[in-house]
PDB file of N, CA and C in Angstrom:
ATOM      1  N   UNK A   1     -16.860   9.820  -2.289  1.00  0.00           N
ATOM      2  CA  UNK A   1     -16.301   9.360  -1.002  1.00  0.00           C
ATOM      3  C   UNK A   1     -16.637   7.884  -0.789  1.00  0.00           C
ATOM      4  N   UNK A   2     -17.869   7.523  -1.120  1.00  0.00           N
ATOM      5  CA  UNK A   2     -18.278   6.120  -0.930  1.00  0.00           C
ATOM      6  C   UNK A   2     -17.394   5.171  -1.735  1.00  0.00           C
ATOM      7  N   UNK A   3     -17.124   5.583  -2.981  1.00  0.00           N
ATOM      8  CA  UNK A   3     -16.296   4.731  -3.847  1.00  0.00           C
ATOM      9  C   UNK A   3     -14.893   4.602  -3.264  1.00  0.00           C
ATOM     10  N   UNK A   4     -14.370   5.710  -2.740  1.00  0.00           N
ATOM     11  CA  UNK A   4     -13.014   5.699  -2.184  1.00  0.00           C
ATOM     12  C   UNK A   4     -12.933   4.707  -1.030  1.00  0.00           C
ATOM     13  N   UNK A   5     -13.952   4.714  -0.178  1.00  0.00           N
ATOM     14  CA  UNK A   5     -13.968   3.800   0.971  1.00  0.00           C
ATOM     15  C   UNK A   5     -14.027   2.357   0.485  1.00  0.00           C
ATOM     16  N   UNK A   6     -14.862   2.113  -0.517  1.00  0.00           N
ATOM     17  CA  UNK A   6     -15.007   0.754  -1.054  1.00  0.00           C
ATOM     18  C   UNK A   6     -13.677   0.285  -1.629  1.00  0.00           C
ATOM     19  N   UNK A   7     -13.020   1.171  -2.370  1.00  0.00           N
ATOM     20  CA  UNK A   7     -11.735   0.817  -2.983  1.00  0.00           C
ATOM     21  C   UNK A   7     -10.708   0.545  -1.888  1.00  0.00           C
ATOM     22  N   UNK A   8     -10.727   1.363  -0.865  1.00  0.00           N
ATOM     23  CA  UNK A   8      -9.762   1.203   0.215  1.00  0.00           C
ATOM     24  C   UNK A   8     -10.010  -0.127   0.923  1.00  0.00           C
ATOM     25  N   UNK A   9     -11.260  -0.462   1.121  1.00  0.00           N
ATOM     26  CA  UNK A   9     -11.611  -1.729   1.785  1.00  0.00           C
ATOM     27  C   UNK A   9     -11.114  -2.899   0.950  1.00  0.00           C
ATOM     28  N   UNK A  10     -11.291  -2.819  -0.349  1.00  0.00           N
ATOM     29  CA  UNK A  10     -10.854  -3.904  -1.242  1.00  0.00           C
ATOM     30  C   UNK A  10      -9.342  -4.053  -1.170  1.00  0.00           C
ATOM     31  N   UNK A  11      -8.645  -2.930  -1.218  1.00  0.00           N
ATOM     32  CA  UNK A  11      -7.179  -2.964  -1.173  1.00  0.00           C
ATOM     33  C   UNK A  11      -6.723  -3.592   0.133  1.00  0.00           C
ATOM     34  N   UNK A  12      -7.389  -3.215   1.219  1.00  0.00           N
ATOM     35  CA  UNK A  12      -7.011  -3.746   2.532  1.00  0.00           C
ATOM     36  C   UNK A  12      -7.244  -5.250   2.568  1.00  0.00           C
ATOM     37  N   UNK A  13      -8.348  -5.675   1.962  1.00  0.00           N
ATOM     38  CA  UNK A  13      -8.674  -7.101   1.960  1.00  0.00           C
ATOM     39  C   UNK A  13      -7.644  -7.870   1.150  1.00  0.00           C
ATOM     40  N   UNK A  14      -7.286  -7.341  -0.022  1.00  0.00           N
ATOM     41  CA  UNK A  14      -6.295  -8.003  -0.875  1.00  0.00           C
ATOM     42  C   UNK A  14      -4.962  -8.076  -0.154  1.00  0.00           C
ATOM     43  N   UNK A  15      -4.606  -6.981   0.526  1.00  0.00           N
ATOM     44  CA  UNK A  15      -3.327  -6.931   1.238  1.00  0.00           C
ATOM     45  C   UNK A  15      -3.319  -7.974   2.354  1.00  0.00           C
ATOM     46  N   UNK A  16      -4.453  -8.093   3.038  1.00  0.00           N
ATOM     47  CA  UNK A  16      -4.569  -9.069   4.130  1.00  0.00           C
ATOM     48  C   UNK A  16      -4.427 -10.494   3.586  1.00  0.00           C
ATOM     49  N   UNK A  17      -5.092 -10.763   2.484  1.00  0.00           N
ATOM     50  CA  UNK A  17      -5.019 -12.107   1.890  1.00  0.00           C
ATOM     51  C   UNK A  17      -3.594 -12.409   1.451  1.00  0.00           C
ATOM     52  N   UNK A  18      -2.945 -11.424   0.845  1.00  0.00           N
ATOM     53  CA  UNK A  18      -1.575 -11.617   0.374  1.00  0.00           C
ATOM     54  C   UNK A  18      -0.639 -11.835   1.565  1.00  0.00           C
ATOM     55  N   UNK A  19      -0.914 -11.136   2.659  1.00  0.00           N
ATOM     56  CA  UNK A  19      -0.056 -11.263   3.841  1.00  0.00           C
ATOM     57  C   UNK A  19      -0.152 -12.675   4.415  1.00  0.00           C
ATOM     58  N   UNK A  20      -1.360 -13.227   4.413  1.00  0.00           N
ATOM     59  CA  UNK A  20      -1.555 -14.566   4.964  1.00  0.00           C
ATOM     60  C   UNK A  20      -1.022 -15.612   3.992  1.00  0.00           C
ATOM     61  N   UNK A  21      -0.932 -15.241   2.708  1.00  0.00           N
ATOM     62  CA  UNK A  21      -0.414 -16.177   1.704  1.00  0.00           C
ATOM     63  C   UNK A  21      -1.545 -16.955   1.057  1.00  0.00           C
ATOM     64  N   UNK A  22      -2.763 -16.427   1.152  1.00  0.00           N
ATOM     65  CA  UNK A  22      -3.911 -17.102   0.531  1.00  0.00           C
ATOM     66  C   UNK A  22      -4.344 -16.320  -0.695  1.00  0.00           C
ATOM     67  N   UNK A  23      -3.559 -16.412  -1.734  1.00  0.00           N
ATOM     68  CA  UNK A  23      -3.888 -15.629  -2.936  1.00  0.00           C
ATOM     69  C   UNK A  23      -4.855 -16.427  -3.810  1.00  0.00           C
TER      70      UNK A  23
END
């Protein structure tokens, strides 16, 4: 479960960065 949360957090962060256009 811990790993799943960490992975989800990373995905959310990447998605946020991509949305802002700061890749």
